């Protein structure tokens, strides 16, 4: 045919199985009883099943007398962009946050910070300490 690819007959609803991650697309055409083809409709999507990587770029020193703490972090994903981060200090529960998050007037003693990144596909990283 003039579309350059085989045409498979299908019904209104069709399940498509793809392998691997990355960009996927399908061309859809209609054919009438007189064998005339419609203009092709191109549908594209991205398959991303890999969790992003999160890196804490700056954190307070392991031992400090400062009662304030700020954290700089980044997230990367090879397929889809990062859309959000969640942070947790001292197992208090993860809350939405952005890089540069600051905690003020912390009590003396040990503290633990964790961050999770989520990409546009909804994949979340493991908590990074």
Protein backbone atom coordinates (compact mmCIF):
# COMPACT_ATOMS: atom_id res chain seq x y z
CA UNK A 1 0.00 0.00 0.00
CA UNK A 2 1.02 3.65 -0.30
CA UNK A 3 1.50 3.99 3.48
CA UNK A 4 4.71 1.95 3.47
CA UNK A 5 3.69 -0.53 6.15
CA UNK A 6 1.42 -3.54 6.32
CA UNK A 7 -2.19 -2.83 7.14
CA UNK A 8 -3.78 -5.09 9.73
CA UNK A 9 -7.49 -5.39 10.03
CA UNK A 10 -8.85 -4.40 13.42
CA UNK A 11 -11.99 -3.41 15.21
CA UNK A 12 -12.77 -0.19 17.09
CA UNK A 13 -10.89 -1.37 20.19
CA UNK A 14 -7.46 -2.90 19.80
CA UNK A 15 -4.85 -3.93 22.38
CA UNK A 16 -1.29 -3.33 21.28
CA UNK A 17 1.63 -5.15 22.85
CA UNK A 18 5.00 -3.43 22.59
CA UNK A 19 8.40 -4.56 23.76
CA UNK A 20 10.92 -2.39 25.52
CA UNK A 21 10.85 1.20 26.65
CA UNK A 22 10.92 4.36 24.57
CA UNK A 23 8.79 6.06 21.92
CA UNK A 24 6.04 4.03 20.29
CA UNK A 25 3.61 4.94 17.53
CA UNK A 26 0.91 3.49 15.35
CA UNK A 27 -0.68 4.75 12.15
CA UNK A 28 -4.40 4.26 11.88
CA UNK A 29 -6.30 4.37 8.58
CA UNK A 30 -9.84 3.55 7.61
CA UNK A 31 -10.87 1.82 4.41
CA UNK A 32 -14.35 2.10 2.94
CA UNK A 33 -16.19 -0.52 0.88
CA UNK A 34 -14.86 1.08 -2.33
CA UNK A 35 -11.29 0.44 -1.08
CA UNK A 36 -10.58 4.14 -0.46
CA UNK A 37 -8.18 4.89 2.42
CA UNK A 38 -8.59 7.77 4.86
CA UNK A 39 -5.75 10.09 5.77
CA UNK A 40 -3.55 8.31 8.34
CA UNK A 41 -3.89 9.26 11.98
CA UNK A 42 -0.62 8.94 13.89
CA UNK A 43 -0.86 8.06 17.59
CA UNK A 44 2.35 8.26 19.64
CA UNK A 45 3.23 7.48 23.27
CA UNK A 46 6.23 6.75 25.45
CA UNK A 47 6.71 3.58 27.49
CA UNK A 48 8.74 4.22 30.67
CA UNK A 49 8.95 1.54 33.35
CA UNK A 50 12.27 2.55 34.91
CA UNK A 51 12.49 4.45 38.18
CA UNK A 52 14.42 7.73 38.10
CA UNK A 53 17.74 8.29 39.86
CA UNK A 54 17.94 10.80 42.71
CA UNK A 55 21.16 12.35 43.97
CA UNK A 56 21.57 14.50 47.07
CA UNK A 57 24.07 17.13 45.93
CA UNK A 58 24.39 19.09 49.16
CA UNK A 59 23.51 18.29 52.76
CA UNK A 60 24.70 19.44 56.18
CA UNK A 61 27.92 17.88 57.46
CA UNK A 62 27.55 14.66 59.46
CA UNK A 63 28.40 16.56 62.67
CA UNK A 64 27.39 20.20 63.06
CA UNK A 65 26.26 22.69 65.68
CA UNK A 66 23.86 24.35 63.20
CA UNK A 67 20.19 23.74 64.09
CA UNK A 68 19.08 24.55 60.51
CA UNK A 69 19.53 22.13 57.61
CA UNK A 70 19.00 22.50 53.86
CA UNK A 71 19.27 19.90 51.13
CA UNK A 72 19.97 20.29 47.42
CA UNK A 73 19.06 17.31 45.23
CA UNK A 74 18.47 16.43 41.59
CA UNK A 75 16.63 13.70 39.75
CA UNK A 76 17.28 12.24 36.33
CA UNK A 77 15.39 9.85 34.11
CA UNK A 78 16.51 8.72 30.66
CA UNK A 79 13.00 8.52 29.23
CA UNK A 80 10.55 10.90 30.89
CA UNK A 81 11.03 14.11 32.87
CA UNK A 82 10.96 14.37 36.64
CA UNK A 83 7.70 15.82 37.94
CA UNK A 84 7.90 15.77 41.72
CA UNK A 85 9.91 15.02 44.82
CA UNK A 86 8.85 13.94 48.29
CA UNK A 87 11.05 14.51 51.33
CA UNK A 88 11.05 13.09 54.83
CA UNK A 89 12.97 14.13 57.92
CA UNK A 90 13.27 11.73 60.85
CA UNK A 91 10.55 9.32 59.64
CA UNK A 92 7.89 12.04 59.96
CA UNK A 93 6.25 11.00 56.67
CA UNK A 94 7.02 11.99 53.09
CA UNK A 95 5.75 15.40 51.97
CA UNK A 96 5.98 17.18 48.60
CA UNK A 97 9.18 19.22 48.42
CA UNK A 98 11.61 20.94 46.06
CA UNK A 99 15.38 21.02 45.95
CA UNK A 100 16.66 23.49 48.52
CA UNK A 101 14.19 22.35 51.17
CA UNK A 102 15.13 23.81 54.55
CA UNK A 103 14.38 22.62 58.07
CA UNK A 104 14.76 25.19 60.83
CA UNK A 105 15.34 25.01 64.58
CA UNK A 106 16.00 21.28 64.70
CA UNK A 107 16.60 19.73 68.12
CA UNK A 108 20.13 18.58 68.90
CA UNK A 109 20.83 14.95 68.05
CA UNK A 110 20.89 12.72 64.98
CA UNK A 111 18.56 13.37 62.05
CA UNK A 112 17.82 11.39 58.90
CA UNK A 113 16.73 12.98 55.60
CA UNK A 114 15.28 11.03 52.67
CA UNK A 115 14.06 12.09 49.23
CA UNK A 116 12.06 10.22 46.57
CA UNK A 117 11.79 11.34 42.95
CA UNK A 118 8.89 10.55 40.62
CA UNK A 119 8.97 10.82 36.83
CA UNK A 120 6.14 11.78 34.49
CA UNK A 121 5.24 8.10 33.97
CA UNK A 122 4.65 7.70 37.72
CA UNK A 123 7.79 5.65 38.43
CA UNK A 124 9.29 6.49 41.83
CA UNK A 125 12.87 6.08 43.00
CA UNK A 126 13.87 4.29 46.17
CA UNK A 127 14.34 6.69 49.10
CA UNK A 128 17.77 8.32 48.90
CA UNK A 129 19.51 9.21 52.16
